[in-house]
PDB file of N, CA and C in Angstrom:
ATOM      1  N   MET A   1      13.332  -9.876  18.306  1.00  0.00           N
ATOM      2  CA  MET A   1      12.816  -8.930  17.461  1.00  0.00           C
ATOM      3  C   MET A   1      11.467  -9.027  15.917  1.00  0.00           C
ATOM      4  N   ARG A   2      11.100  -7.854  16.503  1.00  0.00           N
ATOM      5  CA  ARG A   2      10.207  -7.880  15.157  1.00  0.00           C
ATOM      6  C   ARG A   2      10.801  -7.181  14.025  1.00  0.00           C
ATOM      7  N   LEU A   3      10.158  -7.488  13.171  1.00  0.00           N
ATOM      8  CA  LEU A   3      11.307  -7.622  11.652  1.00  0.00           C
ATOM      9  C   LEU A   3       9.880  -6.233  10.888  1.00  0.00           C
ATOM     10  N   PHE A   4      10.155  -5.294  10.160  1.00  0.00           N
ATOM     11  CA  PHE A   4       9.447  -4.447  10.285  1.00  0.00           C
ATOM     12  C   PHE A   4      10.148  -4.003   8.379  1.00  0.00           C
ATOM     13  N   ASP A   5       8.778  -4.059   7.582  1.00  0.00           N
ATOM     14  CA  ASP A   5       9.769  -3.906   6.499  1.00  0.00           C
ATOM     15  C   ASP A   5       8.942  -1.987   5.519  1.00  0.00           C
ATOM     16  N   ALA A   6       9.616  -1.247   5.847  1.00  0.00           N
ATOM     17  CA  ALA A   6       9.598   0.116   5.944  1.00  0.00           C
ATOM     18  C   ALA A   6       9.172   0.414   4.581  1.00  0.00           C
ATOM     19  N   HIS A   7       8.917  -0.217   3.457  1.00  0.00           N
ATOM     20  CA  HIS A   7       8.641   0.546   2.229  1.00  0.00           C
ATOM     21  C   HIS A   7       8.903  -0.411   1.018  1.00  0.00           C
ATOM     22  N   ASN A   8       7.262  -1.206   0.164  1.00  0.00           N
ATOM     23  CA  ASN A   8       7.245  -1.961  -0.297  1.00  0.00           C
ATOM     24  C   ASN A   8       6.197  -1.782  -1.718  1.00  0.00           C
ATOM     25  N   HIS A   9       6.174  -2.431  -2.478  1.00  0.00           N
ATOM     26  CA  HIS A   9       4.909  -1.549  -3.558  1.00  0.00           C
ATOM     27  C   HIS A   9       4.110  -3.030  -3.786  1.00  0.00           C
ATOM     28  N   LEU A  10       3.791  -4.276  -3.423  1.00  0.00           N
ATOM     29  CA  LEU A  10       3.095  -5.266  -3.155  1.00  0.00           C
ATOM     30  C   LEU A  10       1.871  -4.693  -4.474  1.00  0.00           C
ATOM     31  N   GLN A  11       0.816  -4.048  -4.511  1.00  0.00           N
ATOM     32  CA  GLN A  11       0.549  -3.738  -4.828  1.00  0.00           C
ATOM     33  C   GLN A  11       0.273  -3.896  -6.479  1.00  0.00           C
ATOM     34  N   ASP A  12       1.727  -3.662  -6.702  1.00  0.00           N
ATOM     35  CA  ASP A  12       1.876  -3.291  -8.809  1.00  0.00           C
ATOM     36  C   ASP A  12       1.960  -4.755  -8.992  1.00  0.00           C
ATOM     37  N   ASP A  13       1.056  -4.515  -9.795  1.00  0.00           N
ATOM     38  CA  ASP A  13       1.458  -5.592 -11.505  1.00  0.00           C
ATOM     39  C   ASP A  13       2.051  -6.820 -11.359  1.00  0.00           C
ATOM     40  N   ARG A  14       3.355  -6.203 -11.229  1.00  0.00           N
ATOM     41  CA  ARG A  14       4.632  -7.471 -11.237  1.00  0.00           C
ATOM     42  C   ARG A  14       4.695  -8.300 -10.523  1.00  0.00           C
ATOM     43  N   PHE A  15       3.756  -8.420  -9.213  1.00  0.00           N
ATOM     44  CA  PHE A  15       3.675  -9.276  -8.045  1.00  0.00           C
ATOM     45  C   PHE A  15       2.726 -10.846  -9.663  1.00  0.00           C
ATOM     46  N   GLY A  16       2.244 -10.349 -10.278  1.00  0.00           N
ATOM     47  CA  GLY A  16       1.272 -11.331 -11.026  1.00  0.00           C
ATOM     48  C   GLY A  16       0.509 -12.178  -9.740  1.00  0.00           C
ATOM     49  N   GLY A  17       0.328 -11.627  -9.091  1.00  0.00           N
ATOM     50  CA  GLY A  17      -1.114 -12.372  -8.342  1.00  0.00           C
ATOM     51  C   GLY A  17      -0.617 -13.215  -7.040  1.00  0.00           C
ATOM     52  N   GLY A  18       0.933 -13.092  -7.250  1.00  0.00           N
ATOM     53  CA  GLY A  18       1.385 -14.068  -5.549  1.00  0.00           C
ATOM     54  C   GLY A  18       0.896 -13.180  -4.667  1.00  0.00           C
ATOM     55  N   GLN A  19       0.861 -12.151  -4.533  1.00  0.00           N
ATOM     56  CA  GLN A  19       0.673 -11.144  -2.864  1.00  0.00           C
ATOM     57  C   GLN A  19      -0.005 -12.156  -2.029  1.00  0.00           C
ATOM     58  N   GLU A  20      -0.241 -12.702  -2.356  1.00  0.00           N
ATOM     59  CA  GLU A  20      -1.099 -13.732  -0.841  1.00  0.00           C
ATOM     60  C   GLU A  20       0.198 -14.519  -0.431  1.00  0.00           C
ATOM     61  N   GLU A  21       0.500 -15.241  -1.748  1.00  0.00           N
ATOM     62  CA  GLU A  21       1.737 -16.690  -1.487  1.00  0.00           C
ATOM     63  C   GLU A  21       2.768 -15.652  -0.094  1.00  0.00           C
ATOM     64  N   LEU A  22       3.987 -14.324  -0.880  1.00  0.00           N
ATOM     65  CA  LEU A  22       4.855 -13.951  -0.267  1.00  0.00           C
ATOM     66  C   LEU A  22       4.429 -13.251   0.768  1.00  0.00           C
ATOM     67  N   ILE A  23       3.227 -12.374   1.262  1.00  0.00           N
ATOM     68  CA  ILE A  23       3.133 -12.046   2.531  1.00  0.00           C
ATOM     69  C   ILE A  23       2.873 -13.147   3.857  1.00  0.00           C
ATOM     70  N   ALA A  24       2.363 -14.137   3.307  1.00  0.00           N
ATOM     71  CA  ALA A  24       2.274 -15.668   4.118  1.00  0.00           C
ATOM     72  C   ALA A  24       3.868 -16.499   4.476  1.00  0.00           C
ATOM     73  N   ASP A  25       4.798 -16.012   2.819  1.00  0.00           N
ATOM     74  CA  ASP A  25       6.099 -16.060   3.317  1.00  0.00           C
ATOM     75  C   ASP A  25       7.303 -14.798   4.368  1.00  0.00           C
ATOM     76  N   CYS A  26       5.994 -14.268   3.996  1.00  0.00           N
ATOM     77  CA  CYS A  26       6.817 -12.493   5.075  1.00  0.00           C
ATOM     78  C   CYS A  26       6.124 -13.326   6.368  1.00  0.00           C
ATOM     79  N   ALA A  27       5.384 -14.174   7.297  1.00  0.00           N
ATOM     80  CA  ALA A  27       5.021 -13.823   7.711  1.00  0.00           C
ATOM     81  C   ALA A  27       5.495 -14.999   8.809  1.00  0.00           C
ATOM     82  N   ALA A  28       6.401 -16.343   7.614  1.00  0.00           N
ATOM     83  CA  ALA A  28       6.559 -17.623   8.345  1.00  0.00           C
ATOM     84  C   ALA A  28       7.983 -16.989   8.406  1.00  0.00           C
ATOM     85  N   VAL A  29       8.754 -15.661   7.981  1.00  0.00           N
ATOM     86  CA  VAL A  29       9.868 -15.707   8.324  1.00  0.00           C
ATOM     87  C   VAL A  29       9.882 -14.457   9.296  1.00  0.00           C
ATOM     88  N   GLY A  30       9.242 -14.003   9.806  1.00  0.00           N
ATOM     89  CA  GLY A  30       8.580 -13.019  11.285  1.00  0.00           C
ATOM     90  C   GLY A  30       7.988 -11.735  10.807  1.00  0.00           C
ATOM     91  N   LEU A  31       8.354 -10.757   9.810  1.00  0.00           N
ATOM     92  CA  LEU A  31       7.852  -9.915   9.365  1.00  0.00           C
ATOM     93  C   LEU A  31       6.515  -9.968   9.690  1.00  0.00           C
ATOM     94  N   SER A  32       6.134  -8.798  10.752  1.00  0.00           N
ATOM     95  CA  SER A  32       5.287  -8.193  12.088  1.00  0.00           C
ATOM     96  C   SER A  32       4.646  -7.554  10.665  1.00  0.00           C
ATOM     97  N   LYS A  33       4.930  -6.044  10.048  1.00  0.00           N
ATOM     98  CA  LYS A  33       4.170  -5.427   9.953  1.00  0.00           C
ATOM     99  C   LYS A  33       5.513  -4.447   8.423  1.00  0.00           C
ATOM    100  N   MET A  34       4.335  -3.988   7.532  1.00  0.00           N
ATOM    101  CA  MET A  34       5.254  -3.721   6.123  1.00  0.00           C
ATOM    102  C   MET A  34       3.941  -2.667   5.383  1.00  0.00           C
ATOM    103  N   VAL A  35       4.459  -1.673   5.561  1.00  0.00           N
ATOM    104  CA  VAL A  35       4.163  -0.013   4.171  1.00  0.00           C
ATOM    105  C   VAL A  35       4.062  -1.170   3.582  1.00  0.00           C
ATOM    106  N   VAL A  36       2.550  -0.708   2.680  1.00  0.00           N
ATOM    107  CA  VAL A  36       2.283  -0.586   0.785  1.00  0.00           C
ATOM    108  C   VAL A  36       1.983   0.357   0.279  1.00  0.00           C
ATOM    109  N   ASN A  37       3.014   0.836  -0.208  1.00  0.00           N
ATOM    110  CA  ASN A  37       3.342   2.509  -0.237  1.00  0.00           C
ATOM    111  C   ASN A  37       2.621   2.451  -2.122  1.00  0.00           C
ATOM    112  N   GLY A  38       1.768   3.148  -2.024  1.00  0.00           N
ATOM    113  CA  GLY A  38       0.974   3.270  -3.186  1.00  0.00           C
ATOM    114  C   GLY A  38       1.842   4.495  -4.299  1.00  0.00           C
ATOM    115  N   THR A  39       1.190   4.616  -4.667  1.00  0.00           N
ATOM    116  CA  THR A  39       1.984   5.741  -6.006  1.00  0.00           C
ATOM    117  C   THR A  39       1.210   6.620  -7.180  1.00  0.00           C
ATOM    118  N   ARG A  40       0.525   5.960  -7.299  1.00  0.00           N
ATOM    119  CA  ARG A  40      -1.065   6.775  -8.058  1.00  0.00           C
ATOM    120  C   ARG A  40      -2.267   6.959  -7.720  1.00  0.00           C
ATOM    121  N   GLU A  41      -2.937   8.098  -8.487  1.00  0.00           N
ATOM    122  CA  GLU A  41      -4.123   7.567  -7.961  1.00  0.00           C
ATOM    123  C   GLU A  41      -5.169   5.614  -8.190  1.00  0.00           C
ATOM    124  N   SER A  42      -4.132   5.816  -9.354  1.00  0.00           N
ATOM    125  CA  SER A  42      -4.809   4.316 -10.070  1.00  0.00           C
ATOM    126  C   SER A  42      -4.766   3.491  -8.815  1.00  0.00           C
ATOM    127  N   ASP A  43      -3.300   3.128  -7.734  1.00  0.00           N
ATOM    128  CA  ASP A  43      -3.256   2.056  -7.491  1.00  0.00           C
ATOM    129  C   ASP A  43      -3.738   2.437  -5.700  1.00  0.00           C
ATOM    130  N   TRP A  44      -3.895   3.891  -5.564  1.00  0.00           N
ATOM    131  CA  TRP A  44      -4.794   3.116  -3.865  1.00  0.00           C
ATOM    132  C   TRP A  44      -5.733   2.488  -3.762  1.00  0.00           C
ATOM    133  N   PRO A  45      -6.914   2.075  -4.405  1.00  0.00           N
ATOM    134  CA  PRO A  45      -7.380   0.747  -3.878  1.00  0.00           C
ATOM    135  C   PRO A  45      -7.026  -0.284  -3.886  1.00  0.00           C
ATOM    136  N   ALA A  46      -6.057  -0.889  -4.765  1.00  0.00           N
ATOM    137  CA  ALA A  46      -5.622  -1.761  -4.405  1.00  0.00           C
ATOM    138  C   ALA A  46      -4.820  -2.547  -3.402  1.00  0.00           C
ATOM    139  N   VAL A  47      -4.268  -0.457  -2.490  1.00  0.00           N
ATOM    140  CA  VAL A  47      -3.463  -0.763  -1.495  1.00  0.00           C
ATOM    141  C   VAL A  47      -4.086  -0.935  -0.666  1.00  0.00           C
ATOM    142  N   ALA A  48      -5.511   0.081  -0.419  1.00  0.00           N
ATOM    143  CA  ALA A  48      -6.497  -0.062   0.179  1.00  0.00           C
ATOM    144  C   ALA A  48      -6.934  -1.584   0.329  1.00  0.00           C
ATOM    145  N   ALA A  49      -7.015  -2.140  -0.942  1.00  0.00           N
ATOM    146  CA  ALA A  49      -8.050  -3.727  -0.715  1.00  0.00           C
ATOM    147  C   ALA A  49      -6.671  -4.447   0.730  1.00  0.00           C
ATOM    148  N   LEU A  50      -5.593  -4.544  -0.003  1.00  0.00           N
ATOM    149  CA  LEU A  50      -4.291  -4.897   0.703  1.00  0.00           C
ATOM    150  C   LEU A  50      -4.916  -5.369   2.104  1.00  0.00           C
ATOM    151  N   ALA A  51      -4.605  -3.754   2.837  1.00  0.00           N
ATOM    152  CA  ALA A  51      -4.781  -3.211   4.331  1.00  0.00           C
ATOM    153  C   ALA A  51      -5.816  -3.842   4.454  1.00  0.00           C
ATOM    154  N   ARG A  52      -7.063  -3.943   4.538  1.00  0.00           N
ATOM    155  CA  ARG A  52      -7.967  -4.247   4.414  1.00  0.00           C
ATOM    156  C   ARG A  52      -8.323  -5.697   4.732  1.00  0.00           C
ATOM    157  N   HIS A  53      -7.368  -7.028   4.346  1.00  0.00           N
ATOM    158  CA  HIS A  53      -7.491  -8.048   4.216  1.00  0.00           C
ATOM    159  C   HIS A  53      -6.257  -9.033   4.925  1.00  0.00           C
ATOM    160  N   HIS A  54      -5.419  -8.083   4.952  1.00  0.00           N
ATOM    161  CA  HIS A  54      -4.159  -8.220   6.128  1.00  0.00           C
ATOM    162  C   HIS A  54      -4.316  -7.090   7.151  1.00  0.00           C
ATOM    163  N   ASN A  55      -3.725  -7.812   8.329  1.00  0.00           N
ATOM    164  CA  ASN A  55      -3.490  -6.303   9.018  1.00  0.00           C
ATOM    165  C   ASN A  55      -1.974  -6.026   9.715  1.00  0.00           C
ATOM    166  N   CYS A  56      -1.318  -7.050   8.396  1.00  0.00           N
ATOM    167  CA  CYS A  56       0.355  -6.602   8.256  1.00  0.00           C
ATOM    168  C   CYS A  56       0.513  -5.914   7.488  1.00  0.00           C
ATOM    169  N   VAL A  57      -0.603  -4.977   7.201  1.00  0.00           N
ATOM    170  CA  VAL A  57       0.172  -5.070   6.130  1.00  0.00           C
ATOM    171  C   VAL A  57      -0.790  -2.708   6.728  1.00  0.00           C
ATOM    172  N   LEU A  58       0.311  -2.164   6.354  1.00  0.00           N
ATOM    173  CA  LEU A  58       0.216  -0.880   6.712  1.00  0.00           C
ATOM    174  C   LEU A  58       0.235   0.293   5.794  1.00  0.00           C
ATOM    175  N   PRO A  59      -0.926   0.619   5.246  1.00  0.00           N
ATOM    176  CA  PRO A  59      -1.536   1.837   3.783  1.00  0.00           C
ATOM    177  C   PRO A  59      -0.516   2.943   3.563  1.00  0.00           C
ATOM    178  N   SER A  60       0.015   3.013   2.592  1.00  0.00           N
ATOM    179  CA  SER A  60       1.006   4.134   2.600  1.00  0.00           C
ATOM    180  C   SER A  60       0.136   5.405   1.119  1.00  0.00           C
ATOM    181  N   PHE A  61      -0.650   5.910   0.958  1.00  0.00           N
ATOM    182  CA  PHE A  61      -0.989   6.639   0.282  1.00  0.00           C
ATOM    183  C   PHE A  61      -0.044   7.645  -0.661  1.00  0.00           C
ATOM    184  N   GLY A  62      -0.036   8.001  -2.167  1.00  0.00           N
ATOM    185  CA  GLY A  62       0.659   9.050  -2.567  1.00  0.00           C
ATOM    186  C   GLY A  62       0.829   9.567  -4.176  1.00  0.00           C
ATOM    187  N   LEU A  63       1.889  10.378  -4.571  1.00  0.00           N
ATOM    188  CA  LEU A  63       2.521   9.874  -5.587  1.00  0.00           C
ATOM    189  C   LEU A  63       3.502  10.284  -6.103  1.00  0.00           C
ATOM    190  N   HIS A  64       3.814   8.961  -6.418  1.00  0.00           N
ATOM    191  CA  HIS A  64       5.519   9.492  -7.058  1.00  0.00           C
ATOM    192  C   HIS A  64       5.369   9.870  -8.053  1.00  0.00           C
ATOM    193  N   PRO A  65       7.242  10.789  -8.062  1.00  0.00           N
ATOM    194  CA  PRO A  65       7.247  11.743  -8.564  1.00  0.00           C
ATOM    195  C   PRO A  65       7.361  11.331 -10.371  1.00  0.00           C
ATOM    196  N   TRP A  66       7.849  10.231 -10.139  1.00  0.00           N
ATOM    197  CA  TRP A  66       7.426   9.729 -12.132  1.00  0.00           C
ATOM    198  C   TRP A  66       6.141  10.009 -12.580  1.00  0.00           C
ATOM    199  N   PHE A  67       4.487   9.801 -11.417  1.00  0.00           N
ATOM    200  CA  PHE A  67       3.281   9.442 -12.114  1.00  0.00           C
ATOM    201  C   PHE A  67       2.573  10.471 -10.965  1.00  0.00           C
ATOM    202  N   VAL A  68       2.962  11.684 -10.984  1.00  0.00           N
ATOM    203  CA  VAL A  68       2.198  12.499 -10.499  1.00  0.00           C
ATOM    204  C   VAL A  68       2.038  13.010 -11.768  1.00  0.00           C
ATOM    205  N   HIS A  69       3.022  13.415 -13.029  1.00  0.00           N
ATOM    206  CA  HIS A  69       1.031  14.121 -14.239  1.00  0.00           C
ATOM    207  C   HIS A  69      -0.233  13.613 -14.231  1.00  0.00           C
ATOM    208  N   GLU A  70       0.146  11.885 -14.053  1.00  0.00           N
ATOM    209  CA  GLU A  70      -1.406  11.653 -14.391  1.00  0.00           C
ATOM    210  C   GLU A  70      -2.466  11.926 -13.249  1.00  0.00           C
ATOM    211  N   ARG A  71      -1.832  12.185 -12.687  1.00  0.00           N
ATOM    212  CA  ARG A  71      -2.887  12.903 -10.584  1.00  0.00           C
ATOM    213  C   ARG A  71      -4.453  13.909 -11.880  1.00  0.00           C
ATOM    214  N   SER A  72      -5.378  13.754 -11.583  1.00  0.00           N
ATOM    215  CA  SER A  72      -6.525  14.167 -11.429  1.00  0.00           C
ATOM    216  C   SER A  72      -6.961  15.480 -11.132  1.00  0.00           C
ATOM    217  N   PRO A  73      -7.861  15.974 -11.350  1.00  0.00           N
ATOM    218  CA  PRO A  73      -7.895  17.716 -10.855  1.00  0.00           C
ATOM    219  C   PRO A  73      -8.098  17.376  -9.005  1.00  0.00           C
ATOM    220  N   ASP A  74      -8.743  16.734  -8.901  1.00  0.00           N
ATOM    221  CA  ASP A  74      -9.401  16.482  -7.464  1.00  0.00           C
ATOM    222  C   ASP A  74      -8.575  14.858  -6.590  1.00  0.00           C
ATOM    223  N   TRP A  75      -7.100  14.881  -7.393  1.00  0.00           N
ATOM    224  CA  TRP A  75      -6.630  14.253  -6.479  1.00  0.00           C
ATOM    225  C   TRP A  75      -6.518  14.370  -5.079  1.00  0.00           C
ATOM    226  N   LEU A  76      -6.265  15.837  -4.638  1.00  0.00           N
ATOM    227  CA  LEU A  76      -6.047  16.108  -3.373  1.00  0.00           C
ATOM    228  C   LEU A  76      -7.353  15.717  -2.412  1.00  0.00           C
ATOM    229  N   ALA A  77      -8.498  15.522  -2.973  1.00  0.00           N
ATOM    230  CA  ALA A  77      -9.782  15.240  -1.966  1.00  0.00           C
ATOM    231  C   ALA A  77      -9.697  13.939  -1.623  1.00  0.00           C
ATOM    232  N   LYS A  78      -9.116  13.238  -3.007  1.00  0.00           N
ATOM    233  CA  LYS A  78      -9.004  12.007  -2.896  1.00  0.00           C
ATOM    234  C   LYS A  78      -8.474  11.426  -1.876  1.00  0.00           C
ATOM    235  N   LEU A  79      -6.965  11.927  -1.831  1.00  0.00           N
ATOM    236  CA  LEU A  79      -6.254  11.291  -0.831  1.00  0.00           C
ATOM    237  C   LEU A  79      -6.540  12.030   0.594  1.00  0.00           C
ATOM    238  N   LYS A  80      -7.444  13.001   0.857  1.00  0.00           N
ATOM    239  CA  LYS A  80      -8.119  13.157   1.922  1.00  0.00           C
ATOM    240  C   LYS A  80      -9.342  11.802   2.367  1.00  0.00           C
ATOM    241  N   ARG A  81      -9.605  11.663   0.971  1.00  0.00           N
ATOM    242  CA  ARG A  81     -10.526  10.691   2.116  1.00  0.00           C
ATOM    243  C   ARG A  81     -10.250   9.427   1.439  1.00  0.00           C
ATOM    244  N   GLN A  82      -9.684   9.014   1.387  1.00  0.00           N
ATOM    245  CA  GLN A  82      -8.394   7.679   1.862  1.00  0.00           C
ATOM    246  C   GLN A  82      -7.460   7.986   3.102  1.00  0.00           C
ATOM    247  N   LEU A  83      -6.930   8.659   3.448  1.00  0.00           N
ATOM    248  CA  LEU A  83      -6.537   9.305   4.555  1.00  0.00           C
ATOM    249  C   LEU A  83      -7.680   8.943   5.976  1.00  0.00           C
ATOM    250  N   ASP A  84      -8.601   9.666   5.316  1.00  0.00           N
ATOM    251  CA  ASP A  84      -9.850   9.209   6.129  1.00  0.00           C
ATOM    252  C   ASP A  84     -10.223   8.270   7.283  1.00  0.00           C
ATOM    253  N   ALA A  85     -10.593   7.697   5.766  1.00  0.00           N
ATOM    254  CA  ALA A  85     -10.736   5.806   5.950  1.00  0.00           C
ATOM    255  C   ALA A  85     -10.063   5.462   6.952  1.00  0.00           C
ATOM    256  N   TRP A  86      -8.527   5.477   6.540  1.00  0.00           N
ATOM    257  CA  TRP A  86      -7.330   4.841   6.893  1.00  0.00           C
ATOM    258  C   TRP A  86      -6.657   5.352   8.071  1.00  0.00           C
ATOM    259  N   PRO A  87      -6.651   6.083   9.370  1.00  0.00           N
ATOM    260  CA  PRO A  87      -6.510   6.349   9.764  1.00  0.00           C
ATOM    261  C   PRO A  87      -4.840   5.840  10.613  1.00  0.00           C
ATOM    262  N   GLY A  88      -4.641   5.395  10.295  1.00  0.00           N
ATOM    263  CA  GLY A  88      -3.297   4.779  10.971  1.00  0.00           C
ATOM    264  C   GLY A  88      -2.714   5.032   9.293  1.00  0.00           C
ATOM    265  N   ALA A  89      -2.839   5.660   8.656  1.00  0.00           N
ATOM    266  CA  ALA A  89      -2.394   6.101   6.574  1.00  0.00           C
ATOM    267  C   ALA A  89      -0.799   6.878   7.588  1.00  0.00           C
ATOM    268  N   VAL A  90      -0.347   6.011   5.891  1.00  0.00           N
ATOM    269  CA  VAL A  90       1.063   7.243   6.297  1.00  0.00           C
ATOM    270  C   VAL A  90       1.037   7.657   5.323  1.00  0.00           C
TER     271      VAL A  90
END
């Protein structure tokens, strides 16, 4: 059976740089893919970096309602660029 994590925020600073170890641990227990959900424009680059370095990461770019007030005037164009750069993103 393949395991799939449908929702996490592995880009969050609260992981304290332990993402590499966590990803390795997930692979060791059979987790084949994970969706890393961006919550605001400022974390989209970190989500993309995780996806670039780990085949198991499927990036998800978006704005969480808690942070929508932080969006820039051109946030939608930035979102489109991320989605164009990552055709498999959600």
